[in-house]
Amino acid sequence: QIAPKAYRTQINDLLLTALILAIGDWTQNYNISLSLEGHGREDIISEIDLSRTLGWFTSIFPVNLSIEDSENLGKAIKSIKETLRHIPHKGIGYGIA
């Protein structure tokens, strides 16, 4: 409950940081590529009213996450948070041509 306030994070930031640290401690590689899934109901376009729709608009998109200094937890959390924030439209529209 303290970390989200201190680092302005969301739960996914903390969980993904913990995952990378755990896998990194095991493999000595703190760089991981994986696919993330979003529910597609993020407020990306304010003109679209989704209030009369049901279900999710699932989006799956690749992301490469890495931690340079695994000994500095604050820096690790910030690194993952910033990487996730730079994903365009939270992954919605990836792969659509």
Protein backbone atom coordinates (compact mmCIF):
# COMPACT_ATOMS: atom_id res chain seq x y z
CA GLN A 1 0.00 0.00 0.00
CA ILE A 2 2.98 2.30 0.44
CA ALA A 3 4.68 1.70 -2.94
CA PRO A 4 1.78 2.87 -5.14
CA LYS A 5 1.70 6.21 -3.32
CA ALA A 6 5.46 6.65 -3.20
CA TYR A 7 6.09 5.79 -6.85
CA ARG A 8 2.68 6.63 -8.36
CA THR A 9 2.34 3.08 -9.63
CA GLN A 10 -0.43 0.69 -10.49
CA ILE A 11 -0.56 -2.92 -9.34
CA ASN A 12 0.67 -4.21 -12.72
CA ASP A 13 3.85 -2.12 -12.35
CA LEU A 14 4.65 -3.75 -9.03
CA LEU A 15 3.69 -7.28 -10.07
CA LEU A 16 5.74 -7.14 -13.28
CA THR A 17 8.71 -5.70 -11.39
CA ALA A 18 8.49 -8.57 -8.90
CA LEU A 19 8.23 -11.10 -11.75
CA ILE A 20 11.32 -9.75 -13.51
CA LEU A 21 13.29 -9.64 -10.26
CA ALA A 22 12.31 -13.23 -9.40
CA ILE A 23 13.16 -14.59 -12.86
CA GLY A 24 16.31 -12.47 -12.94
CA ASP A 25 17.51 -13.78 -9.59
CA TRP A 26 16.98 -17.29 -10.91
CA THR A 27 18.52 -16.83 -14.39
CA GLN A 28 20.82 -13.81 -13.80
CA ASN A 29 19.02 -12.12 -16.73
CA TYR A 30 16.84 -9.16 -15.82
CA ASN A 31 15.50 -8.69 -19.34
CA ILE A 32 12.27 -10.42 -20.32
CA SER A 33 9.93 -10.26 -23.31
CA LEU A 34 6.32 -11.24 -22.85
CA SER A 35 2.82 -10.56 -24.07
CA LEU A 36 0.51 -8.46 -21.94
CA GLU A 37 -3.26 -8.53 -22.12
CA GLY A 38 -5.50 -5.52 -21.64
CA HIS A 39 -9.24 -5.36 -21.24
CA GLY A 40 -9.58 -2.62 -23.87
CA ARG A 41 -11.81 -0.34 -21.81
CA GLU A 42 -9.16 2.25 -21.01
CA ASP A 43 -10.05 5.87 -21.59
CA ILE A 44 -8.02 6.26 -24.76
CA ILE A 45 -10.51 8.16 -26.91
CA SER A 46 -12.85 10.39 -24.96
CA GLU A 47 -15.41 10.63 -27.80
CA ILE A 48 -16.24 6.91 -27.64
CA ASP A 49 -19.05 5.97 -25.23
CA LEU A 50 -18.71 2.35 -24.13
CA SER A 51 -21.40 2.53 -21.46
CA ARG A 52 -23.91 0.49 -23.52
CA THR A 53 -21.51 -2.31 -24.40
CA LEU A 54 -20.83 -5.59 -22.64
CA GLY A 55 -17.63 -7.53 -22.17
CA TRP A 56 -14.04 -6.76 -22.86
CA PHE A 57 -12.25 -5.67 -26.01
CA THR A 58 -9.20 -7.81 -25.29
CA SER A 59 -5.90 -6.54 -26.57
CA ILE A 60 -2.68 -8.55 -26.50
CA PHE A 61 0.62 -6.85 -27.19
CA PRO A 62 4.34 -7.63 -26.78
CA VAL A 63 6.56 -5.79 -24.35
CA ASN A 64 10.23 -6.05 -23.45
CA LEU A 65 10.93 -5.20 -19.81
CA SER A 66 14.38 -4.90 -18.30
CA ILE A 67 15.92 -3.86 -15.03
CA GLU A 68 19.47 -2.51 -15.07
CA ASP A 69 20.09 -2.31 -11.31
CA SER A 70 18.35 -5.18 -9.56
CA GLU A 71 19.72 -4.09 -6.18
CA ASN A 72 17.88 -0.74 -6.30
CA LEU A 73 14.19 -1.58 -5.86
CA GLY A 74 12.98 2.00 -6.32
CA LYS A 75 14.87 2.40 -9.57
CA ALA A 76 13.57 -0.99 -10.77
CA ILE A 77 9.95 -0.03 -10.08
CA LYS A 78 10.36 3.32 -11.84
CA SER A 79 11.99 1.68 -14.85
CA ILE A 80 9.17 -0.80 -15.35
CA LYS A 81 6.52 1.85 -14.72
CA GLU A 82 8.01 4.18 -17.33
CA THR A 83 8.34 1.40 -19.89
CA LEU A 84 4.68 0.48 -19.47
CA ARG A 85 3.58 4.13 -19.66
CA HIS A 86 5.31 4.54 -23.02
CA ILE A 87 3.27 1.80 -24.69
CA PRO A 88 1.05 3.64 -27.20
CA HIS A 89 -2.66 3.53 -26.30
CA LYS A 90 -1.93 0.90 -23.63
CA GLY A 91 -1.48 -1.67 -26.38
CA ILE A 92 -4.86 -1.16 -28.03
CA GLY A 93 -4.50 -1.43 -31.78
CA TYR A 94 -1.24 -3.37 -31.81
CA GLY A 95 -0.99 -5.43 -34.99
CA ILE A 96 -3.89 -3.72 -36.75
CA ALA A 97 -2.86 -2.65 -40.20
